């Protein structure tokens, strides 16, 4: 796997996870004014889907320069899919916990 790719994906997941954890009161306020847990979860997931591709691009570009170890370009799609899934998992778990706490 490309070194740059490894460095930026956990950073993106950590950023979104921290954002979810720090916004627990905001979620409670949204629930108080009538937002459903599903709507809040969709907003958090959308945020993750905006951050993850940007982190993937930033991480893949340096990794595709041809430095050792060589990774065939076609494998980057599978790396992106796996890392995207892990990012969504890293967002879903804290979001569910926060929504359960404030429901």
C-alpha atoms as a PDB file:
ATOM      1  CA  UNK A   1       0.000   0.000   0.000  1.00  0.00           C
ATOM      2  CA  UNK A   2       1.242   3.498  -0.731  1.00  0.00           C
ATOM      3  CA  UNK A   3       2.804   5.244   2.284  1.00  0.00           C
ATOM      4  CA  UNK A   4       0.984   8.518   1.660  1.00  0.00           C
ATOM      5  CA  UNK A   5      -2.306   6.701   1.392  1.00  0.00           C
ATOM      6  CA  UNK A   6      -1.728   5.043   4.752  1.00  0.00           C
ATOM      7  CA  UNK A   7      -0.929   8.355   6.398  1.00  0.00           C
ATOM      8  CA  UNK A   8      -3.980  10.324   5.262  1.00  0.00           C
ATOM      9  CA  UNK A   9      -6.825   7.822   5.624  1.00  0.00           C
ATOM     10  CA  UNK A  10      -6.544   7.367   9.412  1.00  0.00           C
ATOM     11  CA  UNK A  11      -6.210  11.124   9.651  1.00  0.00           C
ATOM     12  CA  UNK A  12      -9.488  11.608   7.777  1.00  0.00           C
ATOM     13  CA  UNK A  13     -11.290   8.992   9.854  1.00  0.00           C
ATOM     14  CA  UNK A  14      -9.904  10.525  13.042  1.00  0.00           C
ATOM     15  CA  UNK A  15     -11.020  13.990  11.988  1.00  0.00           C
ATOM     16  CA  UNK A  16     -14.579  12.899  11.314  1.00  0.00           C
ATOM     17  CA  UNK A  17     -14.727  10.745  14.459  1.00  0.00           C
ATOM     18  CA  UNK A  18     -13.519  13.647  16.592  1.00  0.00           C
ATOM     19  CA  UNK A  19     -16.068  15.899  14.914  1.00  0.00           C
ATOM     20  CA  UNK A  20     -18.865  13.470  15.789  1.00  0.00           C
ATOM     21  CA  UNK A  21     -17.705  13.173  19.397  1.00  0.00           C
ATOM     22  CA  UNK A  22     -17.488  16.925  19.882  1.00  0.00           C
ATOM     23  CA  UNK A  23     -20.898  17.558  18.345  1.00  0.00           C
ATOM     24  CA  UNK A  24     -22.960  15.497  20.796  1.00  0.00           C
ATOM     25  CA  UNK A  25     -24.689  18.613  22.133  1.00  0.00           C
ATOM     26  CA  UNK A  26     -25.488  19.743  18.611  1.00  0.00           C
ATOM     27  CA  UNK A  27     -27.092  16.359  17.978  1.00  0.00           C
ATOM     28  CA  UNK A  28     -29.132  16.748  21.158  1.00  0.00           C
ATOM     29  CA  UNK A  29     -30.314  20.185  20.006  1.00  0.00           C
ATOM     30  CA  UNK A  30     -31.277  18.811  16.614  1.00  0.00           C
ATOM     31  CA  UNK A  31     -33.217  16.010  18.302  1.00  0.00           C
ATOM     32  CA  UNK A  32     -34.968  18.578  20.512  1.00  0.00           C
ATOM     33  CA  UNK A  33     -36.211  20.519  17.482  1.00  0.00           C
ATOM     34  CA  UNK A  34     -37.491  17.401  15.762  1.00  0.00           C
ATOM     35  CA  UNK A  35     -34.681  15.869  13.714  1.00  0.00           C
ATOM     36  CA  UNK A  36     -34.831  12.106  13.594  1.00  0.00           C
ATOM     37  CA  UNK A  37     -31.767  10.002  14.422  1.00  0.00           C
ATOM     38  CA  UNK A  38     -31.756   8.858  10.809  1.00  0.00           C
ATOM     39  CA  UNK A  39     -31.508  12.460   9.543  1.00  0.00           C
ATOM     40  CA  UNK A  40     -28.619  13.211  11.886  1.00  0.00           C
ATOM     41  CA  UNK A  41     -26.856   9.985  10.948  1.00  0.00           C
ATOM     42  CA  UNK A  42     -27.284  10.813   7.258  1.00  0.00           C
ATOM     43  CA  UNK A  43     -25.732  14.259   7.812  1.00  0.00           C
ATOM     44  CA  UNK A  44     -22.729  12.741   9.593  1.00  0.00           C
ATOM     45  CA  UNK A  45     -22.304  10.107   6.886  1.00  0.00           C
ATOM     46  CA  UNK A  46     -22.482  12.783   4.187  1.00  0.00           C
ATOM     47  CA  UNK A  47     -19.728  14.692   5.951  1.00  0.00           C
ATOM     48  CA  UNK A  48     -17.568  11.568   5.988  1.00  0.00           C
ATOM     49  CA  UNK A  49     -18.256  10.969   2.300  1.00  0.00           C
ATOM     50  CA  UNK A  50     -16.981  14.478   1.569  1.00  0.00           C
ATOM     51  CA  UNK A  51     -13.796  14.117   3.620  1.00  0.00           C
ATOM     52  CA  UNK A  52     -12.809  10.556   2.634  1.00  0.00           C
ATOM     53  CA  UNK A  53     -12.320  11.065  -1.136  1.00  0.00           C
ATOM     54  CA  UNK A  54     -10.244  14.185  -0.559  1.00  0.00           C
ATOM     55  CA  UNK A  55      -7.993  12.286   1.838  1.00  0.00           C
ATOM     56  CA  UNK A  56      -7.766   9.454  -0.678  1.00  0.00           C
ATOM     57  CA  UNK A  57      -6.647  11.780  -3.446  1.00  0.00           C
ATOM     58  CA  UNK A  58      -4.103  13.484  -1.211  1.00  0.00           C
ATOM     59  CA  UNK A  59      -2.755  10.104  -0.124  1.00  0.00           C
ATOM     60  CA  UNK A  60      -2.748   8.389  -3.520  1.00  0.00           C
ATOM     61  CA  UNK A  61      -0.990  11.044  -5.552  1.00  0.00           C
ATOM     62  CA  UNK A  62       2.335  10.791  -3.706  1.00  0.00           C
ATOM     63  CA  UNK A  63       2.030   7.002  -3.671  1.00  0.00           C
ATOM     64  CA  UNK A  64       1.634   6.809  -7.439  1.00  0.00           C
ATOM     65  CA  UNK A  65       5.004   8.441  -8.147  1.00  0.00           C
ATOM     66  CA  UNK A  66       6.627   5.062  -8.724  1.00  0.00           C
ATOM     67  CA  UNK A  67       8.603   4.844  -5.502  1.00  0.00           C
ATOM     68  CA  UNK A  68       9.242   1.385  -4.037  1.00  0.00           C
ATOM     69  CA  UNK A  69       7.243  -0.694  -3.310  1.00  0.00           C
ATOM     70  CA  UNK A  70       5.491  -0.600  -6.670  1.00  0.00           C
ATOM     71  CA  UNK A  71       1.711  -0.902  -6.531  1.00  0.00           C
ATOM     72  CA  UNK A  72      -0.165  -1.541  -9.794  1.00  0.00           C
ATOM     73  CA  UNK A  73      -2.506   1.394 -10.484  1.00  0.00           C
ATOM     74  CA  UNK A  74      -5.558  -0.888 -10.709  1.00  0.00           C
ATOM     75  CA  UNK A  75      -5.158  -1.823  -7.046  1.00  0.00           C
ATOM     76  CA  UNK A  76      -5.728   1.755  -5.928  1.00  0.00           C
ATOM     77  CA  UNK A  77      -9.469   1.302  -6.496  1.00  0.00           C
ATOM     78  CA  UNK A  78      -9.612  -1.610  -4.073  1.00  0.00           C
ATOM     79  CA  UNK A  79      -7.510   0.341  -1.576  1.00  0.00           C
ATOM     80  CA  UNK A  80      -9.885   3.276  -1.898  1.00  0.00           C
ATOM     81  CA  UNK A  81     -12.948   1.071  -1.412  1.00  0.00           C
ATOM     82  CA  UNK A  82     -11.491  -0.622   1.669  1.00  0.00           C
ATOM     83  CA  UNK A  83     -10.339   2.640   3.205  1.00  0.00           C
ATOM     84  CA  UNK A  84     -13.676   4.293   2.433  1.00  0.00           C
ATOM     85  CA  UNK A  85     -15.497   1.468   4.170  1.00  0.00           C
ATOM     86  CA  UNK A  86     -13.242   1.779   7.197  1.00  0.00           C
ATOM     87  CA  UNK A  87     -13.837   5.537   7.258  1.00  0.00           C
ATOM     88  CA  UNK A  88     -17.602   5.017   7.229  1.00  0.00           C
ATOM     89  CA  UNK A  89     -17.267   2.456  10.012  1.00  0.00           C
ATOM     90  CA  UNK A  90     -15.148   4.898  12.006  1.00  0.00           C
ATOM     91  CA  UNK A  91     -17.939   7.464  11.671  1.00  0.00           C
ATOM     92  CA  UNK A  92     -20.923   5.178  12.157  1.00  0.00           C
ATOM     93  CA  UNK A  93     -19.904   3.793  15.538  1.00  0.00           C
ATOM     94  CA  UNK A  94     -19.443   7.145  17.356  1.00  0.00           C
ATOM     95  CA  UNK A  95     -22.520   8.598  15.641  1.00  0.00           C
ATOM     96  CA  UNK A  96     -24.670   5.715  16.841  1.00  0.00           C
ATOM     97  CA  UNK A  97     -23.281   6.034  20.350  1.00  0.00           C
ATOM     98  CA  UNK A  98     -23.928   9.781  20.421  1.00  0.00           C
ATOM     99  CA  UNK A  99     -27.444   9.397  19.051  1.00  0.00           C
ATOM    100  CA  UNK A 100     -28.244   6.601  21.492  1.00  0.00           C
ATOM    101  CA  UNK A 101     -27.020   8.744  24.374  1.00  0.00           C
ATOM    102  CA  UNK A 102     -29.214  11.721  23.413  1.00  0.00           C
ATOM    103  CA  UNK A 103     -32.321   9.907  22.149  1.00  0.00           C
END
